[in-house]
Amino acid sequence: MNKKIMKIQKLGFPWETEDPFLMTVHHKDAYPAGNEQQGPNISLEGRNLGEDFTLRDGFRMYHGKTVPGFPVHPHRGFETVTVVLEGLIDHFDSYGSVGRFGNGDVQWMTAGKGAQHTEMFPLVHQDKGNPLEFFQIWLNLPAKDKFADPEYKMLWAEDIPEVQSAAANGQKTTVRLIAGSMMGKSS
């Protein structure tokens, strides 16, 4: 299969996706040094705080007003897999799960019958920038699992198995295995 782009479509509402994916997102922000509240230590004047999705000065505040991120919001009937390549995310949810993860960690959250949660991007470094890069995959749960009990699972970077394999060009590549089995390793 050498056709890499299978389909191009205009984004609209609701977004058309292929099962089991609801959507995927990639966030990359070059946050500046942080302040005492773990927000940007620069003026936020002129930003549409609470709805700031415009890349300005290298970053977005998203729905955050002091700290960038996504304050409390609901999820139901699907799972999110969040892979943080660089930076930190603070997670809080209505089932009592609390955690800070980043720099290679993966969070797997099953919303099932419903959960309220928060994903904020604390700018912990006051003496240097706070870059953040992560991607998130939303997976649709099958009908029989739509009302499963919510679950929050962390895969810490140092515990994620790595598999070495040869790429088509003969070079070695490393795959971090977060689910399933490959070449005798499983996660």
N, C-alpha and C. Protein backbone atom coordinates (compact mmCIF):
# COMPACT_ATOMS: atom_id res chain seq x y z
N MET A 1 0.84 -1.17 0.00
CA MET A 1 0.00 0.00 0.00
C MET A 1 0.89 1.24 0.00
N ASN A 2 1.11 1.84 -1.14
CA ASN A 2 1.97 3.01 -1.21
C ASN A 2 1.17 4.30 -1.31
N LYS A 3 -0.13 4.25 -1.12
CA LYS A 3 -0.96 5.45 -1.09
C LYS A 3 -1.06 5.90 0.36
N LYS A 4 -0.33 6.96 0.73
CA LYS A 4 -0.26 7.38 2.13
C LYS A 4 -1.48 8.17 2.57
N ILE A 5 -2.04 9.00 1.72
CA ILE A 5 -3.25 9.75 2.06
C ILE A 5 -4.43 9.00 1.47
N MET A 6 -5.28 8.49 2.36
CA MET A 6 -6.41 7.67 1.92
C MET A 6 -7.64 8.51 1.59
N LYS A 7 -7.78 9.68 2.26
CA LYS A 7 -8.97 10.48 2.06
C LYS A 7 -8.72 11.89 2.57
N ILE A 8 -9.18 12.88 1.86
CA ILE A 8 -9.13 14.27 2.32
C ILE A 8 -10.56 14.76 2.39
N GLN A 9 -10.91 15.35 3.52
CA GLN A 9 -12.26 15.87 3.67
C GLN A 9 -12.23 17.19 4.42
N LYS A 10 -13.22 17.99 4.18
CA LYS A 10 -13.34 19.28 4.85
C LYS A 10 -13.80 19.04 6.29
N LEU A 11 -13.19 19.76 7.23
CA LEU A 11 -13.62 19.64 8.62
C LEU A 11 -14.96 20.33 8.80
N GLY A 12 -15.81 19.71 9.54
CA GLY A 12 -17.12 20.27 9.83
C GLY A 12 -17.62 19.69 11.13
N PHE A 13 -18.87 19.89 11.42
CA PHE A 13 -19.43 19.33 12.64
C PHE A 13 -20.65 18.51 12.29
N PRO A 14 -20.75 17.26 12.74
CA PRO A 14 -19.69 16.54 13.45
C PRO A 14 -18.59 16.11 12.48
N TRP A 15 -17.38 15.92 13.03
CA TRP A 15 -16.29 15.47 12.19
C TRP A 15 -16.53 14.03 11.79
N GLU A 16 -16.30 13.73 10.53
CA GLU A 16 -16.38 12.33 10.08
C GLU A 16 -15.06 11.66 10.43
N THR A 17 -15.15 10.50 11.05
CA THR A 17 -13.94 9.75 11.40
C THR A 17 -14.18 8.28 11.10
N GLU A 18 -13.11 7.53 11.07
CA GLU A 18 -13.19 6.09 10.87
C GLU A 18 -13.15 5.42 12.23
N ASP A 19 -14.05 4.46 12.47
CA ASP A 19 -14.03 3.71 13.71
C ASP A 19 -12.68 3.03 13.85
N PRO A 20 -12.10 2.94 15.04
CA PRO A 20 -12.64 3.35 16.33
C PRO A 20 -12.24 4.77 16.73
N PHE A 21 -11.65 5.54 15.81
CA PHE A 21 -11.14 6.85 16.18
C PHE A 21 -12.22 7.92 16.12
N LEU A 22 -12.32 8.69 17.17
CA LEU A 22 -13.17 9.87 17.15
C LEU A 22 -12.38 11.04 16.60
N MET A 23 -11.15 11.18 17.10
CA MET A 23 -10.28 12.24 16.59
C MET A 23 -8.88 12.07 17.15
N THR A 24 -7.96 12.76 16.52
CA THR A 24 -6.60 12.85 17.05
C THR A 24 -6.21 14.32 17.02
N VAL A 25 -5.41 14.72 18.00
CA VAL A 25 -4.95 16.10 18.06
C VAL A 25 -3.46 16.13 18.39
N HIS A 26 -2.79 17.15 17.92
CA HIS A 26 -1.38 17.37 18.22
C HIS A 26 -1.25 18.80 18.74
N HIS A 27 -0.65 18.94 19.90
CA HIS A 27 -0.42 20.26 20.49
C HIS A 27 1.09 20.49 20.59
N LYS A 28 1.53 21.63 20.10
CA LYS A 28 2.94 22.01 20.26
C LYS A 28 2.98 23.50 20.55
N ASP A 29 3.42 23.83 21.76
CA ASP A 29 3.47 25.21 22.21
C ASP A 29 4.83 25.50 22.84
N ALA A 30 5.37 26.67 22.53
CA ALA A 30 6.64 27.12 23.12
C ALA A 30 6.30 28.12 24.22
N TYR A 31 5.89 27.58 25.37
CA TYR A 31 5.51 28.45 26.49
C TYR A 31 6.75 29.14 27.05
N PRO A 32 6.58 30.39 27.48
CA PRO A 32 7.70 31.13 28.08
C PRO A 32 7.93 30.68 29.52
N ALA A 33 8.85 31.35 30.19
CA ALA A 33 9.06 31.11 31.63
C ALA A 33 7.74 31.33 32.36
N GLY A 34 7.56 30.59 33.45
CA GLY A 34 6.33 30.69 34.22
C GLY A 34 6.41 31.71 35.34
N ASN A 35 5.24 32.05 35.88
CA ASN A 35 5.17 32.94 37.04
C ASN A 35 4.81 32.13 38.29
N GLU A 36 4.51 32.81 39.39
CA GLU A 36 4.21 32.12 40.65
C GLU A 36 2.94 31.26 40.57
N GLN A 37 2.02 31.59 39.66
CA GLN A 37 0.78 30.82 39.50
C GLN A 37 0.92 29.72 38.44
N GLN A 38 2.14 29.51 37.92
CA GLN A 38 2.46 28.54 36.89
C GLN A 38 1.81 28.87 35.54
N GLY A 39 1.53 30.16 35.35
CA GLY A 39 1.07 30.66 34.07
C GLY A 39 2.22 31.38 33.38
N PRO A 40 2.00 31.90 32.17
CA PRO A 40 3.07 32.60 31.44
C PRO A 40 3.49 33.88 32.16
N ASN A 41 4.79 34.10 32.24
CA ASN A 41 5.32 35.29 32.89
C ASN A 41 5.48 36.41 31.86
N ILE A 42 4.45 36.62 31.06
CA ILE A 42 4.39 37.72 30.10
C ILE A 42 2.95 38.23 30.11
N SER A 43 2.74 39.36 29.51
CA SER A 43 1.39 39.92 29.46
C SER A 43 0.48 39.04 28.58
N LEU A 44 -0.73 38.84 29.03
CA LEU A 44 -1.74 38.10 28.26
C LEU A 44 -2.75 39.05 27.63
N GLU A 45 -2.44 40.34 27.69
CA GLU A 45 -3.33 41.35 27.13
C GLU A 45 -3.52 41.10 25.63
N GLY A 46 -4.77 41.23 25.20
CA GLY A 46 -5.10 41.05 23.79
C GLY A 46 -5.45 39.63 23.41
N ARG A 47 -5.30 38.70 24.35
CA ARG A 47 -5.69 37.31 24.09
C ARG A 47 -7.15 37.12 24.46
N ASN A 48 -7.81 36.23 23.79
CA ASN A 48 -9.20 35.89 24.08
C ASN A 48 -9.20 34.79 25.14
N LEU A 49 -8.87 35.15 26.37
CA LEU A 49 -8.71 34.16 27.44
C LEU A 49 -10.00 33.35 27.63
N GLY A 50 -9.82 32.06 27.78
CA GLY A 50 -10.94 31.14 27.86
C GLY A 50 -11.28 30.53 26.52
N GLU A 51 -10.82 31.15 25.46
CA GLU A 51 -11.05 30.68 24.07
C GLU A 51 -9.86 31.06 23.20
N ASP A 52 -8.63 30.87 23.70
CA ASP A 52 -7.43 31.32 23.00
C ASP A 52 -6.77 30.17 22.25
N PHE A 53 -7.16 29.99 20.99
CA PHE A 53 -6.60 28.94 20.16
C PHE A 53 -5.69 29.51 19.07
N THR A 54 -5.41 30.81 19.15
CA THR A 54 -4.56 31.46 18.17
C THR A 54 -3.11 31.39 18.62
N LEU A 55 -2.24 30.87 17.75
CA LEU A 55 -0.81 30.82 18.08
C LEU A 55 -0.28 32.25 18.08
N ARG A 56 0.15 32.69 19.25
CA ARG A 56 0.67 34.05 19.42
C ARG A 56 1.85 33.97 20.38
N ASP A 57 2.95 34.57 20.03
CA ASP A 57 4.18 34.49 20.83
C ASP A 57 4.61 33.05 21.03
N GLY A 58 4.22 32.16 20.12
CA GLY A 58 4.65 30.76 20.17
C GLY A 58 3.75 29.83 20.98
N PHE A 59 2.64 30.34 21.52
CA PHE A 59 1.80 29.47 22.34
C PHE A 59 0.34 29.91 22.32
N ARG A 60 -0.50 29.02 22.83
CA ARG A 60 -1.93 29.25 22.99
C ARG A 60 -2.29 29.02 24.47
N MET A 61 -3.31 29.70 24.96
CA MET A 61 -3.80 29.46 26.32
C MET A 61 -4.94 28.43 26.31
N TYR A 62 -5.49 28.12 25.15
CA TYR A 62 -6.63 27.22 25.00
C TYR A 62 -7.79 27.75 25.85
N HIS A 63 -8.34 26.95 26.75
CA HIS A 63 -9.44 27.44 27.59
C HIS A 63 -8.95 27.98 28.93
N GLY A 64 -7.64 27.96 29.17
CA GLY A 64 -7.09 28.47 30.43
C GLY A 64 -7.11 29.98 30.48
N LYS A 65 -7.26 30.50 31.68
CA LYS A 65 -7.24 31.95 31.87
C LYS A 65 -5.99 32.42 32.60
N THR A 66 -5.44 31.57 33.48
CA THR A 66 -4.20 31.87 34.19
C THR A 66 -3.13 30.88 33.77
N VAL A 67 -3.45 29.59 33.86
CA VAL A 67 -2.58 28.51 33.43
C VAL A 67 -3.15 27.98 32.12
N PRO A 68 -2.30 27.74 31.11
CA PRO A 68 -2.83 27.23 29.85
C PRO A 68 -3.40 25.82 30.02
N GLY A 69 -4.37 25.50 29.21
CA GLY A 69 -4.91 24.14 29.23
C GLY A 69 -6.41 24.09 29.08
N PHE A 70 -6.96 23.01 29.58
CA PHE A 70 -8.38 22.71 29.44
C PHE A 70 -8.98 22.47 30.82
N PRO A 71 -9.55 23.53 31.43
CA PRO A 71 -10.20 23.37 32.74
C PRO A 71 -11.33 22.33 32.65
N VAL A 72 -11.96 22.06 33.75
CA VAL A 72 -12.93 20.96 33.89
C VAL A 72 -13.91 20.90 32.70
N HIS A 73 -14.02 19.69 32.16
CA HIS A 73 -14.92 19.42 31.04
C HIS A 73 -15.29 17.93 31.06
N PRO A 74 -16.42 17.57 30.47
CA PRO A 74 -16.88 16.17 30.52
C PRO A 74 -16.39 15.33 29.34
N HIS A 75 -16.27 14.04 29.61
CA HIS A 75 -16.05 13.03 28.57
C HIS A 75 -16.99 11.88 28.87
N ARG A 76 -17.50 11.22 27.83
CA ARG A 76 -18.35 10.05 28.03
C ARG A 76 -18.33 9.17 26.79
N GLY A 77 -18.25 7.86 27.00
CA GLY A 77 -18.40 6.90 25.92
C GLY A 77 -17.16 6.64 25.09
N PHE A 78 -16.01 7.19 25.49
CA PHE A 78 -14.79 6.95 24.73
C PHE A 78 -13.58 6.95 25.64
N GLU A 79 -12.42 6.68 25.06
CA GLU A 79 -11.16 6.68 25.78
C GLU A 79 -10.25 7.73 25.16
N THR A 80 -9.36 8.28 25.97
CA THR A 80 -8.32 9.15 25.44
C THR A 80 -6.96 8.57 25.80
N VAL A 81 -6.08 8.58 24.84
CA VAL A 81 -4.69 8.18 25.05
C VAL A 81 -3.85 9.43 24.80
N THR A 82 -3.15 9.89 25.83
CA THR A 82 -2.37 11.12 25.75
C THR A 82 -0.89 10.77 25.87
N VAL A 83 -0.12 11.10 24.85
CA VAL A 83 1.32 10.83 24.82
C VAL A 83 2.04 12.17 24.87
N VAL A 84 2.78 12.40 25.95
CA VAL A 84 3.49 13.67 26.12
C VAL A 84 4.95 13.47 25.69
N LEU A 85 5.33 14.15 24.64
CA LEU A 85 6.71 14.06 24.16
C LEU A 85 7.63 14.98 24.96
N GLU A 86 7.12 16.17 25.33
CA GLU A 86 7.91 17.14 26.08
C GLU A 86 6.97 18.03 26.89
N GLY A 87 7.37 18.35 28.10
CA GLY A 87 6.56 19.21 28.95
C GLY A 87 5.73 18.43 29.95
N LEU A 88 4.82 19.14 30.64
CA LEU A 88 4.04 18.55 31.72
C LEU A 88 2.55 18.83 31.56
N ILE A 89 1.74 17.88 32.03
CA ILE A 89 0.29 18.03 32.09
C ILE A 89 -0.16 17.65 33.49
N ASP A 90 -1.04 18.48 34.07
CA ASP A 90 -1.68 18.15 35.34
C ASP A 90 -3.08 17.64 35.05
N HIS A 91 -3.42 16.48 35.62
CA HIS A 91 -4.73 15.85 35.42
C HIS A 91 -5.45 15.78 36.76
N PHE A 92 -6.73 16.15 36.76
CA PHE A 92 -7.61 15.99 37.91
C PHE A 92 -8.92 15.47 37.35
N ASP A 93 -9.60 14.55 38.05
CA ASP A 93 -10.91 14.12 37.56
C ASP A 93 -11.91 13.91 38.68
N SER A 94 -13.16 13.73 38.29
CA SER A 94 -14.26 13.62 39.25
C SER A 94 -14.27 12.32 40.02
N TYR A 95 -13.36 11.42 39.72
CA TYR A 95 -13.26 10.16 40.45
C TYR A 95 -12.07 10.16 41.41
N GLY A 96 -11.45 11.32 41.59
CA GLY A 96 -10.38 11.44 42.57
C GLY A 96 -8.98 11.19 42.04
N SER A 97 -8.83 10.94 40.75
CA SER A 97 -7.49 10.76 40.18
C SER A 97 -6.83 12.11 40.01
N VAL A 98 -5.59 12.18 40.44
CA VAL A 98 -4.80 13.41 40.35
C VAL A 98 -3.40 13.01 39.95
N GLY A 99 -2.80 13.74 39.03
CA GLY A 99 -1.43 13.40 38.68
C GLY A 99 -0.80 14.41 37.76
N ARG A 100 0.51 14.46 37.80
CA ARG A 100 1.32 15.26 36.89
C ARG A 100 2.15 14.27 36.08
N PHE A 101 2.08 14.41 34.77
CA PHE A 101 2.83 13.50 33.92
C PHE A 101 3.41 14.27 32.74
N GLY A 102 4.42 13.69 32.11
CA GLY A 102 5.04 14.34 30.96
C GLY A 102 6.34 13.70 30.56
N ASN A 103 6.98 14.32 29.58
CA ASN A 103 8.31 13.91 29.14
C ASN A 103 8.42 12.41 28.86
N GLY A 104 7.52 11.92 28.00
CA GLY A 104 7.54 10.51 27.60
C GLY A 104 6.48 9.65 28.24
N ASP A 105 5.77 10.17 29.25
CA ASP A 105 4.71 9.40 29.90
C ASP A 105 3.47 9.35 29.01
N VAL A 106 2.64 8.34 29.26
CA VAL A 106 1.39 8.16 28.52
C VAL A 106 0.26 7.99 29.53
N GLN A 107 -0.83 8.69 29.30
CA GLN A 107 -2.03 8.54 30.13
C GLN A 107 -3.11 7.88 29.28
N TRP A 108 -3.78 6.87 29.85
CA TRP A 108 -4.89 6.20 29.18
C TRP A 108 -6.10 6.39 30.07
N MET A 109 -7.08 7.15 29.61
CA MET A 109 -8.26 7.41 30.41
C MET A 109 -9.49 6.87 29.70
N THR A 110 -10.21 5.98 30.39
CA THR A 110 -11.48 5.47 29.90
C THR A 110 -12.57 6.29 30.57
N ALA A 111 -13.31 7.05 29.77
CA ALA A 111 -14.38 7.87 30.34
C ALA A 111 -15.62 7.02 30.62
N GLY A 112 -15.90 6.04 29.75
CA GLY A 112 -17.04 5.16 29.97
C GLY A 112 -18.32 5.91 30.24
N LYS A 113 -18.95 5.62 31.39
CA LYS A 113 -20.26 6.22 31.71
C LYS A 113 -20.17 7.71 32.02
N GLY A 114 -18.96 8.25 32.07
CA GLY A 114 -18.81 9.68 32.21
C GLY A 114 -17.85 10.11 33.30
N ALA A 115 -17.08 11.12 33.00
CA ALA A 115 -16.14 11.70 33.95
C ALA A 115 -15.94 13.16 33.60
N GLN A 116 -15.75 13.97 34.62
CA GLN A 116 -15.33 15.34 34.45
C GLN A 116 -13.82 15.33 34.69
N HIS A 117 -13.07 16.01 33.84
CA HIS A 117 -11.63 16.06 34.11
C HIS A 117 -11.03 17.36 33.63
N THR A 118 -9.80 17.57 34.06
CA THR A 118 -9.05 18.79 33.79
C THR A 118 -7.68 18.40 33.27
N GLU A 119 -7.21 19.11 32.23
CA GLU A 119 -5.85 18.93 31.72
C GLU A 119 -5.24 20.33 31.61
N MET A 120 -4.34 20.63 32.52
CA MET A 120 -3.70 21.94 32.53
C MET A 120 -2.20 21.77 32.30
N PHE A 121 -1.58 22.81 31.76
CA PHE A 121 -0.17 22.75 31.38
C PHE A 121 0.64 23.70 32.26
N PRO A 122 1.08 23.22 33.43
CA PRO A 122 1.78 24.10 34.38
C PRO A 122 3.14 24.53 33.83
N LEU A 123 3.41 25.81 33.94
CA LEU A 123 4.70 26.35 33.51
C LEU A 123 5.59 26.42 34.74
N VAL A 124 6.23 25.30 35.03
CA VAL A 124 6.96 25.13 36.29
C VAL A 124 8.32 25.83 36.31
N HIS A 125 8.89 26.08 35.16
CA HIS A 125 10.20 26.72 35.10
C HIS A 125 10.04 28.23 35.03
N GLN A 126 10.59 28.92 36.03
CA GLN A 126 10.52 30.38 36.04
C GLN A 126 11.78 31.00 35.45
N ASP A 127 12.80 30.18 35.20
CA ASP A 127 14.07 30.70 34.70
C ASP A 127 14.35 30.34 33.24
N LYS A 128 13.40 29.64 32.61
CA LYS A 128 13.57 29.25 31.20
C LYS A 128 12.20 28.91 30.64
N GLY A 129 12.16 28.66 29.33
CA GLY A 129 10.91 28.32 28.67
C GLY A 129 10.34 27.00 29.14
N ASN A 130 9.08 26.79 28.84
CA ASN A 130 8.34 25.57 29.22
C ASN A 130 7.70 24.95 27.97
N PRO A 131 8.51 24.40 27.06
CA PRO A 131 7.92 23.84 25.84
C PRO A 131 7.00 22.66 26.17
N LEU A 132 5.94 22.53 25.37
CA LEU A 132 5.00 21.42 25.54
C LEU A 132 4.68 20.85 24.16
N GLU A 133 4.80 19.54 24.05
CA GLU A 133 4.36 18.85 22.84
C GLU A 133 3.74 17.52 23.24
N PHE A 134 2.50 17.34 22.81
CA PHE A 134 1.83 16.07 23.06
C PHE A 134 0.81 15.82 21.97
N PHE A 135 0.43 14.55 21.87
CA PHE A 135 -0.69 14.23 20.99
C PHE A 135 -1.67 13.36 21.75
N GLN A 136 -2.89 13.40 21.30
CA GLN A 136 -3.96 12.68 21.98
C GLN A 136 -4.81 11.98 20.93
N ILE A 137 -5.17 10.75 21.24
CA ILE A 137 -6.03 9.95 20.37
C ILE A 137 -7.30 9.67 21.15
N TRP A 138 -8.44 9.96 20.55
CA TRP A 138 -9.72 9.64 21.17
C TRP A 138 -10.25 8.39 20.49
N LEU A 139 -10.51 7.34 21.28
CA LEU A 139 -10.98 6.06 20.77
C LEU A 139 -12.44 5.83 21.17
N ASN A 140 -13.27 5.55 20.20
CA ASN A 140 -14.68 5.28 20.46
C ASN A 140 -14.80 3.91 21.13
N LEU A 141 -15.54 3.85 22.22
CA LEU A 141 -15.78 2.56 22.87
C LEU A 141 -16.92 1.83 22.15
N PRO A 142 -16.84 0.50 22.06
CA PRO A 142 -17.96 -0.23 21.47
C PRO A 142 -19.21 -0.03 22.33
N ALA A 143 -20.38 -0.19 21.73
CA ALA A 143 -21.66 0.06 22.41
C ALA A 143 -21.73 -0.65 23.76
N LYS A 144 -21.24 -1.88 23.84
CA LYS A 144 -21.33 -2.65 25.09
C LYS A 144 -20.48 -2.06 26.21
N ASP A 145 -19.51 -1.19 25.88
CA ASP A 145 -18.62 -0.61 26.89
C ASP A 145 -18.87 0.88 27.14
N LYS A 146 -19.87 1.46 26.50
CA LYS A 146 -20.13 2.90 26.62
C LYS A 146 -20.37 3.33 28.07
N PHE A 147 -20.93 2.43 28.89
CA PHE A 147 -21.23 2.78 30.28
C PHE A 147 -20.32 2.04 31.27
N ALA A 148 -19.11 1.71 30.82
CA ALA A 148 -18.13 1.09 31.71
C ALA A 148 -17.73 2.09 32.80
N ASP A 149 -17.26 1.58 33.92
CA ASP A 149 -16.76 2.46 34.97
C ASP A 149 -15.53 3.21 34.46
N PRO A 150 -15.45 4.50 34.73
CA PRO A 150 -14.28 5.27 34.31
C PRO A 150 -13.01 4.72 34.95
N GLU A 151 -11.91 4.84 34.23
CA GLU A 151 -10.62 4.35 34.70
C GLU A 151 -9.52 5.27 34.19
N TYR A 152 -8.52 5.44 35.01
CA TYR A 152 -7.39 6.32 34.71
C TYR A 152 -6.13 5.49 34.91
N LYS A 153 -5.32 5.39 33.88
CA LYS A 153 -4.13 4.55 33.95
C LYS A 153 -2.92 5.33 33.45
N MET A 154 -1.82 5.25 34.18
CA MET A 154 -0.58 5.90 33.77
C MET A 154 0.41 4.86 33.28
N LEU A 155 1.08 5.17 32.21
CA LEU A 155 2.20 4.39 31.71
C LEU A 155 3.41 5.32 31.80
N TRP A 156 4.24 5.10 32.82
CA TRP A 156 5.39 5.97 33.03
C TRP A 156 6.47 5.65 32.00
N ALA A 157 7.11 6.66 31.50
CA ALA A 157 8.08 6.52 30.41
C ALA A 157 9.09 5.40 30.66
N GLU A 158 9.60 5.33 31.88
CA GLU A 158 10.64 4.33 32.16
C GLU A 158 10.11 2.89 32.18
N ASP A 159 8.78 2.73 32.25
CA ASP A 159 8.19 1.39 32.28
C ASP A 159 7.63 0.94 30.93
N ILE A 160 7.65 1.81 29.93
CA ILE A 160 7.10 1.46 28.62
C ILE A 160 8.14 0.65 27.86
N PRO A 161 7.77 -0.58 27.46
CA PRO A 161 8.73 -1.42 26.73
C PRO A 161 9.10 -0.80 25.38
N GLU A 162 10.34 -0.97 25.00
CA GLU A 162 10.80 -0.52 23.69
C GLU A 162 11.19 -1.73 22.86
N VAL A 163 10.86 -1.66 21.58
CA VAL A 163 11.16 -2.73 20.65
C VAL A 163 12.01 -2.14 19.53
N GLN A 164 13.12 -2.79 19.22
CA GLN A 164 13.99 -2.38 18.12
C GLN A 164 13.59 -3.16 16.88
N SER A 165 13.41 -2.46 15.78
CA SER A 165 13.09 -3.16 14.54
C SER A 165 13.80 -2.46 13.39
N ALA A 166 13.93 -3.17 12.29
CA ALA A 166 14.58 -2.61 11.11
C ALA A 166 13.54 -1.94 10.24
N ALA A 167 13.82 -0.72 9.83
CA ALA A 167 12.93 0.00 8.92
C ALA A 167 13.18 -0.48 7.51
N ALA A 168 12.32 -0.07 6.58
CA ALA A 168 12.43 -0.49 5.18
C ALA A 168 13.79 -0.12 4.59
N ASN A 169 14.39 0.96 5.05
CA ASN A 169 15.69 1.38 4.52
C ASN A 169 16.86 0.69 5.22
N GLY A 170 16.56 -0.26 6.10
CA GLY A 170 17.59 -1.02 6.78
C GLY A 170 18.08 -0.40 8.08
N GLN A 171 17.68 0.82 8.38
CA GLN A 171 18.08 1.44 9.63
C GLN A 171 17.23 0.93 10.77
N LYS A 172 17.80 0.95 11.96
CA LYS A 172 17.07 0.52 13.15
C LYS A 172 16.13 1.63 13.59
N THR A 173 14.98 1.24 14.07
CA THR A 173 14.03 2.19 14.63
C THR A 173 13.55 1.66 15.97
N THR A 174 13.21 2.56 16.87
CA THR A 174 12.72 2.17 18.19
C THR A 174 11.24 2.49 18.27
N VAL A 175 10.47 1.50 18.70
CA VAL A 175 9.03 1.65 18.88
C VAL A 175 8.74 1.52 20.37
N ARG A 176 8.01 2.50 20.92
CA ARG A 176 7.57 2.42 22.31
C ARG A 176 6.20 1.76 22.31
N LEU A 177 6.07 0.66 23.00
CA LEU A 177 4.88 -0.17 22.96
C LEU A 177 3.95 0.16 24.12
N ILE A 178 2.81 0.82 23.82
CA ILE A 178 1.89 1.20 24.89
C ILE A 178 0.70 0.28 24.99
N ALA A 179 0.43 -0.53 23.96
CA ALA A 179 -0.68 -1.49 24.01
C ALA A 179 -0.42 -2.59 23.00
N GLY A 180 -0.72 -3.82 23.39
CA GLY A 180 -0.57 -4.94 22.47
C GLY A 180 0.76 -5.64 22.63
N SER A 181 1.13 -6.41 21.59
CA SER A 181 2.36 -7.20 21.61
C SER A 181 3.12 -6.97 20.31
N MET A 182 4.44 -7.04 20.42
CA MET A 182 5.29 -6.89 19.24
C MET A 182 6.64 -7.51 19.53
N MET A 183 7.07 -8.39 18.66
CA MET A 183 8.39 -9.00 18.74
C MET A 183 8.70 -9.53 20.13
N GLY A 184 7.75 -10.25 20.72
CA GLY A 184 7.96 -10.90 22.00
C GLY A 184 7.77 -10.01 23.24
N LYS A 185 7.48 -8.74 23.05
CA LYS A 185 7.22 -7.85 24.18
C LYS A 185 5.76 -7.45 24.15
N SER A 186 5.22 -7.17 25.35
CA SER A 186 3.81 -6.76 25.40
C SER A 186 3.62 -5.66 26.44
N SER A 187 2.52 -4.95 26.26
CA SER A 187 2.20 -3.85 27.16
C SER A 187 0.69 -3.78 27.30
